[in-house]
Amino acid sequence: MAKKGKLRRILDNLNGISIDYHLPLYYPILEKINAQGPDIARKTDAQLGEAFQKHKTGANSEFAFDENMVTEAFALIREAAHRAVGMRPFDVQVLGALAMQAGKLAEMQTGEGKTLTAVMPAALHALSGAGVHVLTFNDYLARRDAKWMGPVYQFLGLSVGFVQEGMSTSDRKKAYLSDVVYLTA
């Protein structure tokens, strides 16, 4: 049975079929995030930002976040995204963010919302104070994504910057001091 399952995965991969074998692990957490939605939606903007920032003391530079912290933080970030940029992450985007948070790769096709998905783990990890780098394919995307998602981070009390080719040393230093920095590899 184990060999058949492994072969099936290899064939699916070769045929271009989405590999989501680990996503069911995150369904219970997604349910908890969704369950918090109505309560979080009743918070004022200030209360939402304060609730997110309270996790600053619970974070550390080793990124050891417990499930309750991730659940509440992702629910808060989801609501902040809705309020700040009018985009509420879909369940599949939250699942992708949970996979990223767990240190897994999350493959998404063009147009499925990678930019919004990355905001959730990036914002949570930024609470550690260590700074977060979000890598993009090119300078255009680094600038676009930082400006597009910047209001979400700012809503949560975080700073955001971007680094591009040709920037002055002082502008680069300023960008790198941000909580979240968008740049190319």
Protein backbone atom coordinates (compact mmCIF):
# COMPACT_ATOMS: atom_id res chain seq x y z
CA MET A 1 0.00 0.00 0.00
CA ALA A 2 2.78 2.43 0.91
CA LYS A 3 4.60 1.76 -2.37
CA LYS A 4 1.38 2.26 -4.35
CA GLY A 5 0.78 5.62 -2.62
CA LYS A 6 4.33 6.73 -3.32
CA LEU A 7 4.04 5.72 -6.98
CA ARG A 8 0.73 7.57 -7.25
CA ARG A 9 2.36 10.75 -5.94
CA ILE A 10 5.23 10.47 -8.42
CA LEU A 11 2.81 9.94 -11.32
CA ASP A 12 0.63 12.82 -10.20
CA ASN A 13 3.67 15.08 -10.04
CA LEU A 14 4.82 14.05 -13.53
CA ASN A 15 1.32 14.64 -14.92
CA GLY A 16 1.15 18.14 -13.47
CA ILE A 17 -1.52 17.31 -10.92
CA SER A 18 -1.54 19.53 -7.87
CA ILE A 19 0.20 17.95 -4.92
CA ASP A 20 -1.81 18.74 -1.82
CA TYR A 21 -1.16 15.66 0.24
CA HIS A 22 -0.32 17.60 3.38
CA LEU A 23 -3.11 20.18 3.25
CA PRO A 24 -5.58 18.07 5.28
CA LEU A 25 -3.22 18.51 8.24
CA TYR A 26 -4.12 22.20 8.26
CA TYR A 27 -7.93 21.85 7.98
CA PRO A 28 -8.51 21.83 11.78
CA ILE A 29 -6.45 25.02 12.15
CA LEU A 30 -8.32 26.63 9.25
CA GLU A 31 -11.61 25.79 10.99
CA LYS A 32 -10.37 27.52 14.15
CA ILE A 33 -9.30 30.58 12.14
CA ASN A 34 -12.69 30.72 10.45
CA ALA A 35 -14.48 30.32 13.79
CA GLN A 36 -12.71 33.43 15.14
CA GLY A 37 -13.77 35.52 12.15
CA PRO A 38 -17.07 36.89 13.51
CA ASP A 39 -15.54 37.96 16.85
CA ILE A 40 -12.57 39.59 15.18
CA ALA A 41 -14.81 41.38 12.67
CA ARG A 42 -16.49 43.16 15.61
CA LYS A 43 -13.18 44.68 16.78
CA THR A 44 -12.37 48.27 15.97
CA ASP A 45 -9.31 48.97 13.82
CA ALA A 46 -7.35 49.96 16.92
CA GLN A 47 -8.41 46.83 18.83
CA LEU A 48 -7.43 44.64 15.89
CA GLY A 49 -3.95 46.18 15.70
CA GLU A 50 -3.50 45.92 19.47
CA ALA A 51 -4.60 42.27 19.46
CA PHE A 52 -2.01 41.50 16.80
CA GLN A 53 0.79 43.42 18.52
CA LYS A 54 0.17 41.61 21.82
CA HIS A 55 1.78 38.58 20.20
CA LYS A 56 5.06 40.45 19.98
CA THR A 57 6.04 39.22 23.42
CA GLY A 58 5.08 35.66 22.54
CA ALA A 59 7.30 35.53 19.46
CA ASN A 60 11.01 34.84 19.42
CA SER A 61 13.82 34.84 16.91
CA GLU A 62 13.59 31.07 16.50
CA PHE A 63 10.05 31.38 15.09
CA ALA A 64 8.54 28.96 17.60
CA PHE A 65 4.87 29.87 17.43
CA ASP A 66 2.23 27.72 19.06
CA GLU A 67 -0.96 26.78 17.25
CA ASN A 68 -3.16 29.15 19.28
CA MET A 69 -0.91 32.08 18.43
CA VAL A 70 -0.88 31.21 14.73
CA THR A 71 -4.64 30.72 14.71
CA GLU A 72 -5.42 34.08 16.28
CA ALA A 73 -2.74 35.96 14.35
CA PHE A 74 -3.89 34.59 10.99
CA ALA A 75 -7.51 35.45 11.80
CA LEU A 76 -6.42 39.00 12.70
CA ILE A 77 -4.28 39.33 9.57
CA ARG A 78 -7.14 38.07 7.43
CA GLU A 79 -9.43 40.75 8.82
CA ALA A 80 -6.72 43.42 8.50
CA ALA A 81 -6.25 42.53 4.82
CA HIS A 82 -9.99 42.88 4.28
CA ARG A 83 -10.08 46.29 5.94
CA ALA A 84 -6.80 47.68 4.60
CA VAL A 85 -6.87 46.58 0.95
CA GLY A 86 -10.37 45.12 0.52
CA MET A 87 -9.08 41.58 0.03
CA ARG A 88 -10.10 38.78 2.40
CA PRO A 89 -7.87 35.73 1.94
CA PHE A 90 -9.81 32.69 0.75
CA ASP A 91 -9.52 29.41 2.63
CA VAL A 92 -7.07 28.03 0.06
CA GLN A 93 -4.82 31.06 0.60
CA VAL A 94 -4.95 30.55 4.36
CA LEU A 95 -4.04 26.88 3.83
CA GLY A 96 -1.06 27.98 1.74
CA ALA A 97 -0.05 30.42 4.47
CA LEU A 98 -0.33 27.69 7.12
CA ALA A 99 1.90 25.43 5.04
CA MET A 100 4.46 28.24 4.71
CA GLN A 101 4.24 28.91 8.43
CA ALA A 102 5.04 25.24 9.03
CA GLY A 103 8.15 25.55 6.86
CA LYS A 104 6.66 23.78 3.85
CA LEU A 105 6.62 24.88 0.23
CA ALA A 106 3.28 26.09 -1.03
CA GLU A 107 2.93 26.03 -4.79
CA MET A 108 0.21 28.21 -6.27
CA GLN A 109 -0.59 28.98 -9.88
CA THR A 110 -0.61 32.45 -11.43
CA GLY A 111 -3.60 34.41 -10.19
CA GLU A 112 -4.27 32.28 -7.11
CA GLY A 113 -3.10 34.95 -4.67
CA LYS A 114 0.49 34.22 -3.69
CA THR A 115 1.06 37.87 -2.79
CA LEU A 116 -1.81 37.91 -0.29
CA THR A 117 -0.97 34.41 0.97
CA ALA A 118 2.58 35.43 1.87
CA VAL A 119 1.37 38.33 4.01
CA MET A 120 0.10 36.04 6.76
CA PRO A 121 3.33 34.19 7.63
CA ALA A 122 5.45 37.28 6.86
CA ALA A 123 3.48 39.47 9.26
CA LEU A 124 3.54 36.83 11.99
CA HIS A 125 7.28 36.26 11.67
CA ALA A 126 7.88 40.01 11.68
CA LEU A 127 6.64 40.07 15.28
CA SER A 128 9.89 38.37 16.29
CA GLY A 129 11.76 41.60 15.56
CA ALA A 130 14.26 39.70 13.40
CA GLY A 131 12.92 41.13 10.15
CA VAL A 132 11.41 39.20 7.28
CA HIS A 133 12.49 39.10 3.65
CA VAL A 134 9.87 38.27 1.03
CA LEU A 135 11.61 37.23 -2.18
CA THR A 136 10.01 38.07 -5.53
CA PHE A 137 10.91 37.23 -9.10
CA ASN A 138 11.97 40.74 -10.13
CA ASP A 139 12.30 44.35 -8.96
CA TYR A 140 8.91 45.29 -10.38
CA LEU A 141 7.17 42.68 -8.22
CA ALA A 142 9.17 43.66 -5.14
CA ARG A 143 8.05 47.27 -5.46
CA ARG A 144 4.47 46.40 -6.48
CA ASP A 145 3.92 43.86 -3.69
CA ALA A 146 5.41 46.10 -1.00
CA LYS A 147 3.16 48.99 -2.03
CA TRP A 148 0.11 46.78 -2.57
CA MET A 149 0.36 44.84 0.71
CA GLY A 150 2.00 47.67 2.67
CA PRO A 151 -1.33 48.94 4.04
CA VAL A 152 -1.99 45.51 5.61
CA TYR A 153 1.34 45.50 7.43
CA GLN A 154 0.91 49.13 8.50
CA PHE A 155 -2.61 48.38 9.75
CA LEU A 156 -1.02 45.75 12.00
CA GLY A 157 1.65 48.16 13.26
CA LEU A 158 4.48 46.82 11.08
CA SER A 159 6.72 48.65 8.65
CA VAL A 160 7.36 47.52 5.08
CA GLY A 161 10.00 48.37 2.52
CA PHE A 162 11.48 47.14 -0.74
CA VAL A 163 14.95 46.90 -2.24
CA GLN A 164 15.67 47.37 -5.93
CA GLU A 165 18.67 47.50 -8.20
CA GLY A 166 20.06 51.00 -8.45
CA MET A 167 18.89 52.15 -5.02
CA SER A 168 21.30 54.27 -3.04
CA THR A 169 23.04 52.73 -0.06
CA SER A 170 21.07 54.94 2.33
CA ASP A 171 17.74 53.92 0.74
CA ARG A 172 18.73 50.25 0.98
CA LYS A 173 19.67 50.62 4.64
CA LYS A 174 16.36 52.32 5.35
CA ALA A 175 14.44 49.53 3.57
CA TYR A 176 16.34 46.82 5.46
CA LEU A 177 15.31 48.39 8.76
CA SER A 178 11.66 47.63 7.93
CA ASP A 179 9.85 44.76 9.63
CA VAL A 180 9.08 43.23 6.22
CA VAL A 181 11.32 43.78 3.17
CA TYR A 182 10.40 42.79 -0.40
CA LEU A 183 13.33 42.11 -2.71
CA THR A 184 14.66 39.81 -5.43
CA ALA A 185 16.82 36.79 -4.73
